[in-house]
């Protein structure tokens, strides 16, 4: 239970820090850059998953 409490404090602290960073123009740009990179990464993973799923559904295309 103590570990969960520290985890929860860390998550809440992260949200508070991100909120204050977002108020500063430089912090806002940094968070926008991080968000763009995460979006690009998840897009690449999604495309790879769909390609693999298509290969498994119809293996005659490989």
PDB file of N, CA and C in Angstrom:
ATOM      1  N   UNK A   1       0.818  -1.191   0.000  1.00  0.00           N
ATOM      2  CA  UNK A   1       0.000   0.000   0.000  1.00  0.00           C
ATOM      3  C   UNK A   1       0.864   1.258   0.000  1.00  0.00           C
ATOM      4  N   UNK A   2       2.005   1.202   0.672  1.00  0.00           N
ATOM      5  CA  UNK A   2       2.908   2.339   0.715  1.00  0.00           C
ATOM      6  C   UNK A   2       3.472   2.628  -0.680  1.00  0.00           C
ATOM      7  N   UNK A   3       3.782   1.588  -1.433  1.00  0.00           N
ATOM      8  CA  UNK A   3       4.299   1.757  -2.790  1.00  0.00           C
ATOM      9  C   UNK A   3       3.246   2.394  -3.683  1.00  0.00           C
ATOM     10  N   UNK A   4       2.014   1.965  -3.539  1.00  0.00           N
ATOM     11  CA  UNK A   4       0.937   2.550  -4.337  1.00  0.00           C
ATOM     12  C   UNK A   4       0.755   4.027  -4.014  1.00  0.00           C
ATOM     13  N   UNK A   5       0.885   4.380  -2.743  1.00  0.00           N
ATOM     14  CA  UNK A   5       0.758   5.776  -2.339  1.00  0.00           C
ATOM     15  C   UNK A   5       1.849   6.626  -2.987  1.00  0.00           C
ATOM     16  N   UNK A   6       3.087   6.138  -2.993  1.00  0.00           N
ATOM     17  CA  UNK A   6       4.176   6.876  -3.629  1.00  0.00           C
ATOM     18  C   UNK A   6       3.957   6.977  -5.135  1.00  0.00           C
ATOM     19  N   UNK A   7       3.445   5.915  -5.733  1.00  0.00           N
ATOM     20  CA  UNK A   7       3.140   5.947  -7.161  1.00  0.00           C
ATOM     21  C   UNK A   7       2.087   7.016  -7.455  1.00  0.00           C
ATOM     22  N   UNK A   8       1.047   7.045  -6.648  1.00  0.00           N
ATOM     23  CA  UNK A   8      -0.020   8.021  -6.823  1.00  0.00           C
ATOM     24  C   UNK A   8       0.492   9.452  -6.633  1.00  0.00           C
ATOM     25  N   UNK A   9       1.330   9.670  -5.639  1.00  0.00           N
ATOM     26  CA  UNK A   9       1.922  10.991  -5.419  1.00  0.00           C
ATOM     27  C   UNK A   9       2.776  11.392  -6.624  1.00  0.00           C
ATOM     28  N   UNK A  10       3.519  10.455  -7.185  1.00  0.00           N
ATOM     29  CA  UNK A  10       4.340  10.742  -8.360  1.00  0.00           C
ATOM     30  C   UNK A  10       3.508  11.111  -9.578  1.00  0.00           C
ATOM     31  N   UNK A  11       2.424  10.396  -9.801  1.00  0.00           N
ATOM     32  CA  UNK A  11       1.550  10.686 -10.944  1.00  0.00           C
ATOM     33  C   UNK A  11       0.911  12.061 -10.785  1.00  0.00           C
ATOM     34  N   UNK A  12       0.406  12.344  -9.599  1.00  0.00           N
ATOM     35  CA  UNK A  12      -0.222  13.646  -9.352  1.00  0.00           C
ATOM     36  C   UNK A  12       0.816  14.761  -9.480  1.00  0.00           C
ATOM     37  N   UNK A  13       2.002  14.538  -8.940  1.00  0.00           N
ATOM     38  CA  UNK A  13       3.077  15.524  -9.063  1.00  0.00           C
ATOM     39  C   UNK A  13       3.461  15.768 -10.514  1.00  0.00           C
ATOM     40  N   UNK A  14       3.458  14.725 -11.315  1.00  0.00           N
ATOM     41  CA  UNK A  14       3.766  14.870 -12.737  1.00  0.00           C
ATOM     42  C   UNK A  14       2.730  15.707 -13.464  1.00  0.00           C
ATOM     43  N   UNK A  15       1.467  15.485 -13.140  1.00  0.00           N
ATOM     44  CA  UNK A  15       0.416  16.284 -13.763  1.00  0.00           C
ATOM     45  C   UNK A  15       0.514  17.750 -13.354  1.00  0.00           C
ATOM     46  N   UNK A  16       0.813  17.997 -12.090  1.00  0.00           N
ATOM     47  CA  UNK A  16       0.952  19.378 -11.619  1.00  0.00           C
ATOM     48  C   UNK A  16       2.140  20.047 -12.307  1.00  0.00           C
ATOM     49  N   UNK A  17       3.266  19.347 -12.397  1.00  0.00           N
ATOM     50  CA  UNK A  17       4.448  19.906 -13.059  1.00  0.00           C
ATOM     51  C   UNK A  17       4.171  20.183 -14.534  1.00  0.00           C
ATOM     52  N   UNK A  18       3.487  19.276 -15.204  1.00  0.00           N
ATOM     53  CA  UNK A  18       3.160  19.485 -16.620  1.00  0.00           C
ATOM     54  C   UNK A  18       2.217  20.672 -16.786  1.00  0.00           C
ATOM     55  N   UNK A  19       1.306  20.850 -15.847  1.00  0.00           N
ATOM     56  CA  UNK A  19       0.382  21.982 -15.915  1.00  0.00           C
ATOM     57  C   UNK A  19       1.149  23.303 -15.815  1.00  0.00           C
ATOM     58  N   UNK A  20       2.084  23.382 -14.881  1.00  0.00           N
ATOM     59  CA  UNK A  20       2.871  24.608 -14.740  1.00  0.00           C
ATOM     60  C   UNK A  20       3.814  24.807 -15.921  1.00  0.00           C
ATOM     61  N   UNK A  21       4.365  23.725 -16.456  1.00  0.00           N
ATOM     62  CA  UNK A  21       5.230  23.837 -17.638  1.00  0.00           C
ATOM     63  C   UNK A  21       4.449  24.345 -18.832  1.00  0.00           C
ATOM     64  N   UNK A  22       3.202  23.922 -18.946  1.00  0.00           N
ATOM     65  CA  UNK A  22       2.383  24.298 -20.090  1.00  0.00           C
ATOM     66  C   UNK A  22       2.047  25.788 -20.077  1.00  0.00           C
ATOM     67  N   UNK A  23       2.102  26.429 -18.911  1.00  0.00           N
ATOM     68  CA  UNK A  23       1.819  27.858 -18.823  1.00  0.00           C
ATOM     69  C   UNK A  23       2.942  28.705 -19.419  1.00  0.00           C
ATOM     70  N   UNK A  24       4.176  28.198 -19.355  1.00  0.00           N
ATOM     71  CA  UNK A  24       5.334  28.902 -19.905  1.00  0.00           C
ATOM     72  C   UNK A  24       5.434  28.613 -21.408  1.00  0.00           C
ATOM     73  N   UNK A  25       5.692  29.613 -22.250  1.00  0.00           N
ATOM     74  CA  UNK A  25       5.777  29.353 -23.701  1.00  0.00           C
ATOM     75  C   UNK A  25       6.828  28.301 -24.068  1.00  0.00           C
ATOM     76  N   UNK A  26       7.981  28.342 -23.408  1.00  0.00           N
ATOM     77  CA  UNK A  26       9.018  27.343 -23.713  1.00  0.00           C
ATOM     78  C   UNK A  26       8.566  25.947 -23.288  1.00  0.00           C
ATOM     79  N   UNK A  27       7.927  25.869 -22.129  1.00  0.00           N
ATOM     80  CA  UNK A  27       7.411  24.585 -21.655  1.00  0.00           C
ATOM     81  C   UNK A  27       6.309  24.073 -22.559  1.00  0.00           C
ATOM     82  N   UNK A  28       5.463  24.995 -23.030  1.00  0.00           N
ATOM     83  CA  UNK A  28       4.384  24.608 -23.949  1.00  0.00           C
ATOM     84  C   UNK A  28       4.965  24.024 -25.233  1.00  0.00           C
ATOM     85  N   UNK A  29       6.012  24.659 -25.764  1.00  0.00           N
ATOM     86  CA  UNK A  29       6.660  24.138 -26.973  1.00  0.00           C
ATOM     87  C   UNK A  29       7.286  22.767 -26.719  1.00  0.00           C
ATOM     88  N   UNK A  30       7.898  22.606 -25.547  1.00  0.00           N
ATOM     89  CA  UNK A  30       8.514  21.325 -25.206  1.00  0.00           C
ATOM     90  C   UNK A  30       7.467  20.228 -25.109  1.00  0.00           C
ATOM     91  N   UNK A  31       6.357  20.509 -24.434  1.00  0.00           N
ATOM     92  CA  UNK A  31       5.297  19.503 -24.308  1.00  0.00           C
ATOM     93  C   UNK A  31       4.658  19.198 -25.659  1.00  0.00           C
ATOM     94  N   UNK A  32       4.535  20.200 -26.529  1.00  0.00           N
ATOM     95  CA  UNK A  32       3.996  19.962 -27.870  1.00  0.00           C
ATOM     96  C   UNK A  32       4.935  19.061 -28.670  1.00  0.00           C
ATOM     97  N   UNK A  33       6.245  19.260 -28.514  1.00  0.00           N
ATOM     98  CA  UNK A  33       7.225  18.421 -29.208  1.00  0.00           C
ATOM     99  C   UNK A  33       7.160  16.985 -28.706  1.00  0.00           C
ATOM    100  N   UNK A  34       7.063  16.816 -27.401  1.00  0.00           N
ATOM    101  CA  UNK A  34       6.951  15.469 -26.812  1.00  0.00           C
ATOM    102  C   UNK A  34       5.673  14.793 -27.303  1.00  0.00           C
ATOM    103  N   UNK A  35       4.578  15.540 -27.329  1.00  0.00           N
ATOM    104  CA  UNK A  35       3.308  14.983 -27.800  1.00  0.00           C
ATOM    105  C   UNK A  35       3.395  14.556 -29.259  1.00  0.00           C
ATOM    106  N   UNK A  36       4.063  15.363 -30.095  1.00  0.00           N
ATOM    107  CA  UNK A  36       4.213  15.011 -31.510  1.00  0.00           C
ATOM    108  C   UNK A  36       5.043  13.736 -31.669  1.00  0.00           C
ATOM    109  N   UNK A  37       6.092  13.608 -30.876  1.00  0.00           N
ATOM    110  CA  UNK A  37       6.933  12.408 -30.957  1.00  0.00           C
ATOM    111  C   UNK A  37       6.171  11.162 -30.501  1.00  0.00           C
ATOM    112  N   UNK A  38       5.388  11.302 -29.443  1.00  0.00           N
ATOM    113  CA  UNK A  38       4.593  10.170 -28.959  1.00  0.00           C
ATOM    114  C   UNK A  38       3.553   9.777 -29.996  1.00  0.00           C
ATOM    115  N   UNK A  39       2.915  10.760 -30.614  1.00  0.00           N
ATOM    116  CA  UNK A  39       1.918  10.480 -31.653  1.00  0.00           C
ATOM    117  C   UNK A  39       2.559   9.771 -32.841  1.00  0.00           C
ATOM    118  N   UNK A  40       3.747  10.219 -33.238  1.00  0.00           N
ATOM    119  CA  UNK A  40       4.454   9.564 -34.344  1.00  0.00           C
ATOM    120  C   UNK A  40       4.810   8.121 -33.982  1.00  0.00           C
ATOM    121  N   UNK A  41       5.302   7.904 -32.761  1.00  0.00           N
ATOM    122  CA  UNK A  41       5.686   6.574 -32.312  1.00  0.00           C
ATOM    123  C   UNK A  41       4.493   5.630 -32.276  1.00  0.00           C
ATOM    124  N   UNK A  42       3.377   6.092 -31.707  1.00  0.00           N
ATOM    125  CA  UNK A  42       2.200   5.227 -31.643  1.00  0.00           C
ATOM    126  C   UNK A  42       1.635   4.959 -33.037  1.00  0.00           C
ATOM    127  N   UNK A  43       1.775   5.906 -33.942  1.00  0.00           N
ATOM    128  CA  UNK A  43       1.345   5.675 -35.322  1.00  0.00           C
ATOM    129  C   UNK A  43       2.169   4.584 -35.991  1.00  0.00           C
ATOM    130  N   UNK A  44       3.474   4.617 -35.754  1.00  0.00           N
ATOM    131  CA  UNK A  44       4.359   3.582 -36.317  1.00  0.00           C
ATOM    132  C   UNK A  44       4.003   2.211 -35.733  1.00  0.00           C
ATOM    133  N   UNK A  45       3.765   2.162 -34.424  1.00  0.00           N
ATOM    134  CA  UNK A  45       3.385   0.884 -33.803  1.00  0.00           C
ATOM    135  C   UNK A  45       2.050   0.380 -34.343  1.00  0.00           C
ATOM    136  N   UNK A  46       1.104   1.274 -34.527  1.00  0.00           N
ATOM    137  CA  UNK A  46      -0.208   0.877 -35.054  1.00  0.00           C
ATOM    138  C   UNK A  46      -0.090   0.323 -36.472  1.00  0.00           C
ATOM    139  N   UNK A  47       0.700   0.982 -37.302  1.00  0.00           N
ATOM    140  CA  UNK A  47       0.897   0.505 -38.673  1.00  0.00           C
ATOM    141  C   UNK A  47       1.558  -0.871 -38.682  1.00  0.00           C
ATOM    142  N   UNK A  48       2.571  -1.062 -37.834  1.00  0.00           N
ATOM    143  CA  UNK A  48       3.250  -2.352 -37.768  1.00  0.00           C
ATOM    144  C   UNK A  48       2.298  -3.446 -37.279  1.00  0.00           C
ATOM    145  N   UNK A  49       1.457  -3.115 -36.315  1.00  0.00           N
ATOM    146  CA  UNK A  49       0.489  -4.085 -35.804  1.00  0.00           C
ATOM    147  C   UNK A  49      -0.503  -4.476 -36.893  1.00  0.00           C
ATOM    148  N   UNK A  50      -1.005  -3.492 -37.622  1.00  0.00           N
ATOM    149  CA  UNK A  50      -1.964  -3.797 -38.690  1.00  0.00           C
ATOM    150  C   UNK A  50      -1.323  -4.622 -39.799  1.00  0.00           C
ATOM    151  N   UNK A  51      -0.070  -4.329 -40.137  1.00  0.00           N
ATOM    152  CA  UNK A  51       0.635  -5.131 -41.147  1.00  0.00           C
ATOM    153  C   UNK A  51       0.794  -6.579 -40.685  1.00  0.00           C
ATOM    154  N   UNK A  52       1.199  -6.751 -39.428  1.00  0.00           N
ATOM    155  CA  UNK A  52       1.378  -8.107 -38.897  1.00  0.00           C
ATOM    156  C   UNK A  52       0.043  -8.838 -38.825  1.00  0.00           C
ATOM    157  N   UNK A  53      -1.004  -8.140 -38.403  1.00  0.00           N
ATOM    158  CA  UNK A  53      -2.324  -8.751 -38.326  1.00  0.00           C
ATOM    159  C   UNK A  53      -2.799  -9.185 -39.711  1.00  0.00           C
ATOM    160  N   UNK A  54      -2.552  -8.354 -40.723  1.00  0.00           N
ATOM    161  CA  UNK A  54      -2.942  -8.703 -42.080  1.00  0.00           C
ATOM    162  C   UNK A  54      -2.183  -9.935 -42.564  1.00  0.00           C
ATOM    163  N   UNK A  55      -0.898 -10.046 -42.197  1.00  0.00           N
ATOM    164  CA  UNK A  55      -0.124 -11.218 -42.599  1.00  0.00           C
ATOM    165  C   UNK A  55      -0.642 -12.482 -41.919  1.00  0.00           C
ATOM    166  N   UNK A  56      -1.059 -12.367 -40.674  1.00  0.00           N
ATOM    167  CA  UNK A  56      -1.539 -13.545 -39.963  1.00  0.00           C
ATOM    168  C   UNK A  56      -2.930 -13.980 -40.433  1.00  0.00           C
ATOM    169  N   UNK A  57      -3.742 -13.023 -40.848  1.00  0.00           N
ATOM    170  CA  UNK A  57      -5.091 -13.352 -41.317  1.00  0.00           C
ATOM    171  C   UNK A  57      -5.031 -14.027 -42.685  1.00  0.00           C
ATOM    172  N   UNK A  58      -4.178 -13.493 -43.556  1.00  0.00           N
ATOM    173  CA  UNK A  58      -4.054 -14.057 -44.912  1.00  0.00           C
ATOM    174  C   UNK A  58      -2.591 -14.327 -45.210  1.00  0.00           C
ATOM    175  N   UNK A  59      -2.065 -15.495 -44.787  1.00  0.00           N
ATOM    176  CA  UNK A  59      -0.638 -15.767 -44.957  1.00  0.00           C
ATOM    177  C   UNK A  59      -0.236 -16.003 -46.420  1.00  0.00           C
ATOM    178  N   UNK A  60      -1.176 -16.132 -47.337  1.00  0.00           N
ATOM    179  CA  UNK A  60      -0.815 -16.361 -48.736  1.00  0.00           C
ATOM    180  C   UNK A  60      -0.232 -15.108 -49.379  1.00  0.00           C
ATOM    181  N   UNK A  61      -0.416 -13.935 -48.773  1.00  0.00           N
ATOM    182  CA  UNK A  61       0.135 -12.704 -49.329  1.00  0.00           C
ATOM    183  C   UNK A  61       1.628 -12.572 -49.047  1.00  0.00           C
ATOM    184  N   UNK A  62       2.165 -13.299 -48.083  1.00  0.00           N
ATOM    185  CA  UNK A  62       3.562 -13.116 -47.672  1.00  0.00           C
ATOM    186  C   UNK A  62       4.525 -13.678 -48.670  1.00  0.00           C
TER     187      UNK A  62
END
